[in-house]
C-alpha atoms as a PDB file:
ATOM      1  CA  MET A   1      16.166   9.799  -5.040  1.00  0.00           C
ATOM      2  CA  GLN A   2      12.535  10.209  -3.837  1.00  0.00           C
ATOM      3  CA  GLU A   3      10.376   8.906  -1.521  1.00  0.00           C
ATOM      4  CA  ALA A   4       6.947   6.571  -2.816  1.00  0.00           C
ATOM      5  CA  TYR A   5       4.547   5.356  -0.709  1.00  0.00           C
ATOM      6  CA  VAL A   6       2.772   1.562  -1.625  1.00  0.00           C
ATOM      7  CA  ALA A   7      -0.382   0.174  -0.120  1.00  0.00           C
ATOM      8  CA  LEU A   8      -0.433  -3.510  -0.227  1.00  0.00           C
ATOM      9  CA  GLY A   9      -3.620  -6.073   0.138  1.00  0.00           C
ATOM     10  CA  ALA A  10      -4.777  -8.985  -0.334  1.00  0.00           C
ATOM     11  CA  ASN A  11      -7.464 -11.533   0.861  1.00  0.00           C
ATOM     12  CA  LEU A  12      -7.559 -14.475  -1.108  1.00  0.00           C
ATOM     13  CA  GLY A  13      -5.343 -17.389  -0.113  1.00  0.00           C
ATOM     14  CA  ASP A  14      -2.330 -16.817   2.486  1.00  0.00           C
ATOM     15  CA  ARG A  15      -3.039 -13.377   2.892  1.00  0.00           C
ATOM     16  CA  GLU A  16       0.073 -12.864   5.026  1.00  0.00           C
ATOM     17  CA  ALA A  17       2.180 -15.441   3.336  1.00  0.00           C
ATOM     18  CA  SER A  18       1.350 -13.022   0.276  1.00  0.00           C
ATOM     19  CA  LEU A  19       1.813  -9.594   1.949  1.00  0.00           C
ATOM     20  CA  ARG A  20       5.647 -11.151   3.097  1.00  0.00           C
ATOM     21  CA  ASN A  21       6.374 -12.585  -0.494  1.00  0.00           C
ATOM     22  CA  ALA A  22       5.259  -8.873  -2.601  1.00  0.00           C
ATOM     23  CA  LEU A  23       7.770  -7.076   0.388  1.00  0.00           C
ATOM     24  CA  GLY A  24      10.583  -9.811  -0.273  1.00  0.00           C
ATOM     25  CA  ARG A  25       9.743  -8.728  -4.393  1.00  0.00           C
ATOM     26  CA  LEU A  26       9.782  -4.808  -3.136  1.00  0.00           C
ATOM     27  CA  ALA A  27      13.076  -5.001  -1.197  1.00  0.00           C
ATOM     28  CA  ALA A  28      14.496  -7.188  -4.091  1.00  0.00           C
ATOM     29  CA  GLU A  29      14.407  -4.575  -6.865  1.00  0.00           C
ATOM     30  CA  PRO A  30      17.482  -3.105  -7.532  1.00  0.00           C
ATOM     31  CA  ASP A  31      16.117   0.920  -7.922  1.00  0.00           C
ATOM     32  CA  ILE A  32      13.967   0.388  -4.875  1.00  0.00           C
ATOM     33  CA  GLU A  33      14.933   0.735  -1.091  1.00  0.00           C
ATOM     34  CA  MET A  34      12.713  -0.289   1.638  1.00  0.00           C
ATOM     35  CA  LEU A  35      12.446   2.569   4.226  1.00  0.00           C
ATOM     36  CA  GLY A  36       9.707   1.922   6.022  1.00  0.00           C
ATOM     37  CA  ILE A  37       7.097  -0.797   7.104  1.00  0.00           C
ATOM     38  CA  SER A  38       3.569   0.033   8.327  1.00  0.00           C
ATOM     39  CA  PRO A  39       1.727  -3.212  10.398  1.00  0.00           C
ATOM     40  CA  ALA A  40      -0.512  -5.150   8.890  1.00  0.00           C
ATOM     41  CA  TYR A  41      -3.918  -4.464   9.292  1.00  0.00           C
ATOM     42  CA  GLU A  42      -7.037  -6.339   8.774  1.00  0.00           C
ATOM     43  CA  THR A  43      -9.769  -4.765   7.035  1.00  0.00           C
ATOM     44  CA  ALA A  44     -13.353  -5.247   5.812  1.00  0.00           C
ATOM     45  CA  PRO A  45     -13.692  -4.846   2.109  1.00  0.00           C
ATOM     46  CA  ILE A  46     -15.371  -1.974   0.406  1.00  0.00           C
ATOM     47  CA  GLY A  47     -17.707  -1.626  -2.965  1.00  0.00           C
ATOM     48  CA  TYR A  48     -17.855  -5.078  -3.561  1.00  0.00           C
ATOM     49  CA  THR A  49     -18.463  -6.493   0.090  1.00  0.00           C
ATOM     50  CA  ASP A  50     -19.009 -10.322  -1.051  1.00  0.00           C
ATOM     51  CA  GLN A  51     -15.536 -10.894  -0.304  1.00  0.00           C
ATOM     52  CA  PRO A  52     -13.100 -11.992   2.697  1.00  0.00           C
ATOM     53  CA  SER A  53     -11.376  -9.381   4.914  1.00  0.00           C
ATOM     54  CA  PHE A  54      -8.205  -7.843   3.450  1.00  0.00           C
ATOM     55  CA  LEU A  55      -4.718  -7.311   5.001  1.00  0.00           C
ATOM     56  CA  ASN A  56      -3.233  -4.287   3.890  1.00  0.00           C
ATOM     57  CA  MET A  57      -0.426  -2.076   4.856  1.00  0.00           C
ATOM     58  CA  VAL A  58       1.819   0.446   3.262  1.00  0.00           C
ATOM     59  CA  VAL A  59       5.504   0.448   2.492  1.00  0.00           C
ATOM     60  CA  ARG A  60       7.897   3.664   2.606  1.00  0.00           C
ATOM     61  CA  VAL A  61      10.651   3.258  -0.488  1.00  0.00           C
ATOM     62  CA  GLY A  62      13.396   5.308  -1.896  1.00  0.00           C
ATOM     63  CA  THR A  63      13.704   5.368  -5.846  1.00  0.00           C
ATOM     64  CA  GLY A  64      15.228   7.045  -8.352  1.00  0.00           C
ATOM     65  CA  LEU A  65      12.493   5.841 -11.064  1.00  0.00           C
ATOM     66  CA  GLN A  66      10.289   7.810 -12.294  1.00  0.00           C
ATOM     67  CA  PRO A  67       6.345   7.368 -11.442  1.00  0.00           C
ATOM     68  CA  ILE A  68       5.277   5.434 -14.408  1.00  0.00           C
ATOM     69  CA  GLU A  69       8.145   3.089 -14.083  1.00  0.00           C
ATOM     70  CA  LEU A  70       7.588   2.652 -10.570  1.00  0.00           C
ATOM     71  CA  LEU A  71       4.135   1.548 -11.340  1.00  0.00           C
ATOM     72  CA  ARG A  72       5.139  -0.519 -14.448  1.00  0.00           C
ATOM     73  CA  ARG A  73       7.022  -2.916 -11.819  1.00  0.00           C
ATOM     74  CA  LEU A  74       4.342  -2.787  -9.347  1.00  0.00           C
ATOM     75  CA  LEU A  75       2.117  -4.451 -11.797  1.00  0.00           C
ATOM     76  CA  ALA A  76       4.689  -6.984 -12.942  1.00  0.00           C
ATOM     77  CA  ILE A  77       5.377  -8.044  -9.379  1.00  0.00           C
ATOM     78  CA  GLU A  78       1.241  -8.498  -8.947  1.00  0.00           C
ATOM     79  CA  ARG A  79       1.360 -10.303 -12.291  1.00  0.00           C
ATOM     80  CA  GLU A  80       4.465 -12.556 -11.271  1.00  0.00           C
ATOM     81  CA  MET A  81       2.315 -13.448  -8.377  1.00  0.00           C
ATOM     82  CA  GLY A  82      -0.523 -14.378 -10.068  1.00  0.00           C
ATOM     83  CA  ARG A  83      -2.997 -11.250  -9.795  1.00  0.00           C
ATOM     84  CA  VAL A  84      -6.115 -11.859 -11.865  1.00  0.00           C
ATOM     85  CA  ARG A  85      -8.094  -8.446 -12.168  1.00  0.00           C
ATOM     86  CA  ASP A  86     -12.021  -9.468 -13.255  1.00  0.00           C
ATOM     87  CA  ILE A  87     -14.391  -7.282 -10.632  1.00  0.00           C
ATOM     88  CA  ARG A  88     -13.125  -3.768  -9.886  1.00  0.00           C
ATOM     89  CA  TRP A  89     -12.558  -3.648  -5.998  1.00  0.00           C
ATOM     90  CA  GLY A  90     -12.946  -7.380  -5.512  1.00  0.00           C
ATOM     91  CA  PRO A  91     -10.774 -10.257  -4.275  1.00  0.00           C
ATOM     92  CA  ARG A  92      -7.289 -10.604  -5.010  1.00  0.00           C
ATOM     93  CA  ASN A  93      -4.506 -12.502  -4.037  1.00  0.00           C
ATOM     94  CA  ILE A  94      -2.378  -9.403  -4.005  1.00  0.00           C
ATOM     95  CA  ASP A  95      -2.893  -5.308  -4.895  1.00  0.00           C
ATOM     96  CA  LEU A  96      -0.160  -2.920  -5.170  1.00  0.00           C
ATOM     97  CA  ASP A  97      -0.991   0.491  -5.156  1.00  0.00           C
ATOM     98  CA  LEU A  98       1.201   3.054  -5.841  1.00  0.00           C
ATOM     99  CA  LEU A  99       0.063   6.517  -3.643  1.00  0.00           C
ATOM    100  CA  LEU A 100       2.306   8.801  -4.024  1.00  0.00           C
ATOM    101  CA  VAL A 101       5.419   9.691  -5.312  1.00  0.00           C
ATOM    102  CA  GLY A 102       7.662  12.350  -3.495  1.00  0.00           C
ATOM    103  CA  ASP A 103       5.398  15.749  -4.446  1.00  0.00           C
ATOM    104  CA  THR A 104       4.534  14.795  -7.782  1.00  0.00           C
ATOM    105  CA  ARG A 105       1.053  15.723  -8.919  1.00  0.00           C
ATOM    106  CA  LEU A 106       0.177  13.869 -12.177  1.00  0.00           C
ATOM    107  CA  ASP A 107      -3.214  12.823 -13.876  1.00  0.00           C
ATOM    108  CA  THR A 108      -2.794  10.601 -17.049  1.00  0.00           C
ATOM    109  CA  PRO A 109      -4.952   7.324 -18.601  1.00  0.00           C
ATOM    110  CA  GLU A 110      -2.154   5.317 -16.848  1.00  0.00           C
ATOM    111  CA  LEU A 111      -1.720   7.141 -13.544  1.00  0.00           C
ATOM    112  CA  THR A 112      -2.929   9.363 -10.941  1.00  0.00           C
ATOM    113  CA  LEU A 113      -0.977  11.137  -8.419  1.00  0.00           C
ATOM    114  CA  PRO A 114      -1.211  11.186  -5.478  1.00  0.00           C
ATOM    115  CA  HIS A 115      -3.783   8.560  -5.833  1.00  0.00           C
ATOM    116  CA  PRO A 116      -7.475  10.181  -5.985  1.00  0.00           C
ATOM    117  CA  ARG A 117      -9.472   7.813  -3.205  1.00  0.00           C
ATOM    118  CA  MET A 118      -6.598   7.091  -0.925  1.00  0.00           C
ATOM    119  CA  GLY A 119      -7.879   9.879   1.420  1.00  0.00           C
ATOM    120  CA  GLU A 120     -11.236   8.397   1.970  1.00  0.00           C
ATOM    121  CA  ARG A 121     -10.104   5.025   3.125  1.00  0.00           C
ATOM    122  CA  ALA A 122      -8.865   4.022   6.561  1.00  0.00           C
ATOM    123  CA  PHE A 123      -7.452   0.888   5.369  1.00  0.00           C
ATOM    124  CA  VAL A 124      -4.930   3.493   3.421  1.00  0.00           C
ATOM    125  CA  LEU A 125      -4.552   6.070   5.712  1.00  0.00           C
ATOM    126  CA  VAL A 126      -3.855   4.334   8.971  1.00  0.00           C
ATOM    127  CA  PRO A 127      -0.664   2.484   7.709  1.00  0.00           C
ATOM    128  CA  LEU A 128       0.304   5.217   5.434  1.00  0.00           C
ATOM    129  CA  ARG A 129       0.405   7.547   9.446  1.00  0.00           C
ATOM    130  CA  ASP A 130       2.690   4.688  10.346  1.00  0.00           C
ATOM    131  CA  VAL A 131       5.435   5.122   7.820  1.00  0.00           C
ATOM    132  CA  TRP A 132       5.000   8.792   7.487  1.00  0.00           C
ATOM    133  CA  PRO A 133       8.276  10.339   8.430  1.00  0.00           C
ATOM    134  CA  GLU A 134       8.040  12.200  12.144  1.00  0.00           C
ATOM    135  CA  ASN A 135       9.076  15.616  11.187  1.00  0.00           C
ATOM    136  CA  VAL A 136       6.947  16.053   8.213  1.00  0.00           C
ATOM    137  CA  ASP A 137       3.126  17.172   8.727  1.00  0.00           C
ATOM    138  CA  PHE A 138       1.024  14.580   7.891  1.00  0.00           C
ATOM    139  CA  PRO A 139      -2.015  15.927   5.357  1.00  0.00           C
ATOM    140  CA  TRP A 140      -4.591  13.804   5.822  1.00  0.00           C
ATOM    141  CA  ALA A 141      -4.828  14.196   9.757  1.00  0.00           C
ATOM    142  CA  ARG A 142      -7.764  15.771   9.622  1.00  0.00           C
ATOM    143  CA  GLU A 143      -9.287  13.175   7.241  1.00  0.00           C
ATOM    144  CA  LEU A 144      -8.487  10.130   9.148  1.00  0.00           C
ATOM    145  CA  ALA A 145      -9.474  12.065  12.912  1.00  0.00           C
ATOM    146  CA  GLU A 146     -13.231  12.012  11.427  1.00  0.00           C
ATOM    147  CA  MET A 147     -13.004   8.115  10.710  1.00  0.00           C
ATOM    148  CA  SER A 148     -14.469   5.553  12.637  1.00  0.00           C
ATOM    149  CA  LEU A 149     -12.276   2.727  12.844  1.00  0.00           C
ATOM    150  CA  GLU A 150     -14.365   0.179  14.504  1.00  0.00           C
ATOM    151  CA  GLN A 151     -17.094   1.606  11.938  1.00  0.00           C
ATOM    152  CA  GLU A 152     -14.085   1.405   8.838  1.00  0.00           C
ATOM    153  CA  GLY A 153     -13.437  -2.309   9.963  1.00  0.00           C
ATOM    154  CA  ILE A 154      -9.769  -1.754  10.401  1.00  0.00           C
ATOM    155  CA  SER A 155      -8.092  -3.506  13.254  1.00  0.00           C
ATOM    156  CA  GLN A 156      -3.890  -4.020  13.634  1.00  0.00           C
ATOM    157  CA  TRP A 157      -2.685  -7.833  12.389  1.00  0.00           C
ATOM    158  CA  ALA A 158       0.894  -7.976  12.876  1.00  0.00           C
ATOM    159  CA  ASP A 159       4.023  -5.790  12.656  1.00  0.00           C
ATOM    160  CA  TRP A 160       6.775  -7.608  10.607  1.00  0.00           C
ATOM    161  CA  ALA A 161       9.191  -4.123  10.251  1.00  0.00           C
ATOM    162  CA  SER A 162      11.692  -5.896  13.205  1.00  0.00           C
ATOM    163  CA  GLU A 163      12.044  -8.677  11.035  1.00  0.00           C
ATOM    164  CA  LEU A 164      13.391  -7.188   7.870  1.00  0.00           C
ATOM    165  CA  GLU A 165      16.117  -4.773   7.157  1.00  0.00           C
ATOM    166  CA  LEU A 166      15.660  -1.648   6.076  1.00  0.00           C
ATOM    167  CA  GLY A 167      17.595   1.141   4.695  1.00  0.00           C
ATOM    168  CA  GLN A 168      17.939   4.727   6.320  1.00  0.00           C
END
């Protein structure tokens, strides 16, 4: 079993319901154990900015799945929830991004690990820091310290971790 980190985001429809739905689907996967859930943060869009604000969060999971299989499960959840991909960085009802799987380094057409742009994005680094194990140095601490969260347009929305049962 290895740890993996998954970023979740939504900015269409009932964003909170979409994140909760995705969390439930992840927790129901037989080879995925939820280990940590960050608070949800409201964040300004980047790239394509003519769209509503996002709710973003990160979950820490334990899994025996290989990274490609874990990615495929995440993409299946997106499809089941009606995700449509038509504008890069555009609006979406749900987005599940695989950020890290253990210390795996991978660069294939299907998957790059660690996620290639995560160190540039407060909407990933802030919730990732929230679920990062306390006894392990956070490798993006400098990048996060250099970001102005106000300028990045990020603020805490809600914390549901206490509502959900987590594995230890």
